[in-house]
Amino acid sequence: MLRRRQSREMAFCEALTNSVVGIAVSWVFTFTALPLLGLEPTAADATIITACYFVLSVVRSYLLRRLFDVL
């Protein structure tokens, strides 16, 4: 059975969509979970941390999608 390859644009779109959906969850988790560990992040701190994870998530998802598309 031949499998149609996903285009680079669609792989990026999928990775970006997945990451955008995860932003709210990540921000809420960062803002609420860190106090349980004794850290008190401000909303700005939680936003910066979430932004960093967002960028890493998009890159990771895109690269993994491209890798699995080759396999």
Protein backbone atom coordinates (compact mmCIF):
# COMPACT_ATOMS: atom_id res chain seq x y z
CA MET A 1 0.00 0.00 0.00
CA LEU A 2 1.48 3.32 -1.05
CA ARG A 3 1.37 6.08 1.48
CA ARG A 4 1.06 9.67 0.37
CA ARG A 5 3.78 11.84 1.90
CA GLN A 6 2.83 14.90 3.86
CA SER A 7 4.17 18.14 2.38
CA ARG A 8 6.58 20.23 4.41
CA GLU A 9 3.97 22.95 4.65
CA MET A 10 1.34 20.56 6.00
CA ALA A 11 3.86 19.05 8.43
CA PHE A 12 4.60 22.55 9.72
CA CYS A 13 0.87 23.38 9.87
CA GLU A 14 0.19 20.22 11.88
CA ALA A 15 3.09 20.92 14.25
CA LEU A 16 1.97 24.53 14.70
CA THR A 17 -1.67 23.57 15.31
CA ASN A 18 -0.65 20.97 17.87
CA SER A 19 1.52 23.49 19.66
CA VAL A 20 -1.08 26.28 19.62
CA VAL A 21 -3.61 23.95 21.21
CA GLY A 22 -1.04 23.13 23.88
CA ILE A 23 -0.28 26.79 24.70
CA ALA A 24 -3.25 27.29 27.02
CA VAL A 25 -2.60 24.03 28.83
CA SER A 26 1.08 24.86 29.20
CA TRP A 27 0.46 28.38 30.49
CA VAL A 28 -2.12 27.26 33.04
CA PHE A 29 0.10 24.38 34.14
CA THR A 30 3.15 26.65 34.50
CA PHE A 31 1.18 29.30 36.38
CA THR A 32 -0.44 26.77 38.75
CA ALA A 33 2.11 23.96 39.11
CA LEU A 34 5.22 26.00 39.90
CA PRO A 35 3.71 27.32 43.15
CA LEU A 36 3.32 23.70 44.23
CA LEU A 37 7.11 23.47 43.91
CA GLY A 38 7.66 26.61 45.96
CA LEU A 39 8.11 28.94 42.98
CA GLU A 40 5.87 31.96 42.47
CA PRO A 41 5.87 32.92 38.78
CA THR A 42 4.12 36.07 37.64
CA ALA A 43 1.82 35.96 34.63
CA ALA A 44 4.70 37.42 32.59
CA ASP A 45 7.07 34.68 33.82
CA ALA A 46 4.53 32.00 32.90
CA THR A 47 4.11 33.58 29.47
CA ILE A 48 7.86 33.62 28.78
CA ILE A 49 8.27 30.02 29.93
CA THR A 50 5.30 28.97 27.80
CA ALA A 51 6.68 30.82 24.76
CA CYS A 52 9.98 28.96 25.09
CA TYR A 53 8.21 25.61 25.31
CA PHE A 54 6.01 26.60 22.35
CA VAL A 55 8.99 27.21 20.07
CA LEU A 56 10.66 23.98 21.17
CA SER A 57 7.41 22.07 20.66
CA VAL A 58 6.87 23.35 17.10
CA VAL A 59 10.44 22.53 16.08
CA ARG A 60 10.32 19.09 17.73
CA SER A 61 6.97 18.19 16.17
CA TYR A 62 8.02 19.36 12.73
CA LEU A 63 11.31 17.47 12.78
CA LEU A 64 9.73 14.28 14.07
CA ARG A 65 6.96 14.49 11.46
CA ARG A 66 9.54 14.90 8.71
CA LEU A 67 11.61 12.00 10.10
CA PHE A 68 8.63 9.64 10.26
CA ASP A 69 7.54 10.71 6.80
CA VAL A 70 10.90 9.51 5.44
CA LEU A 71 10.74 6.15 7.23
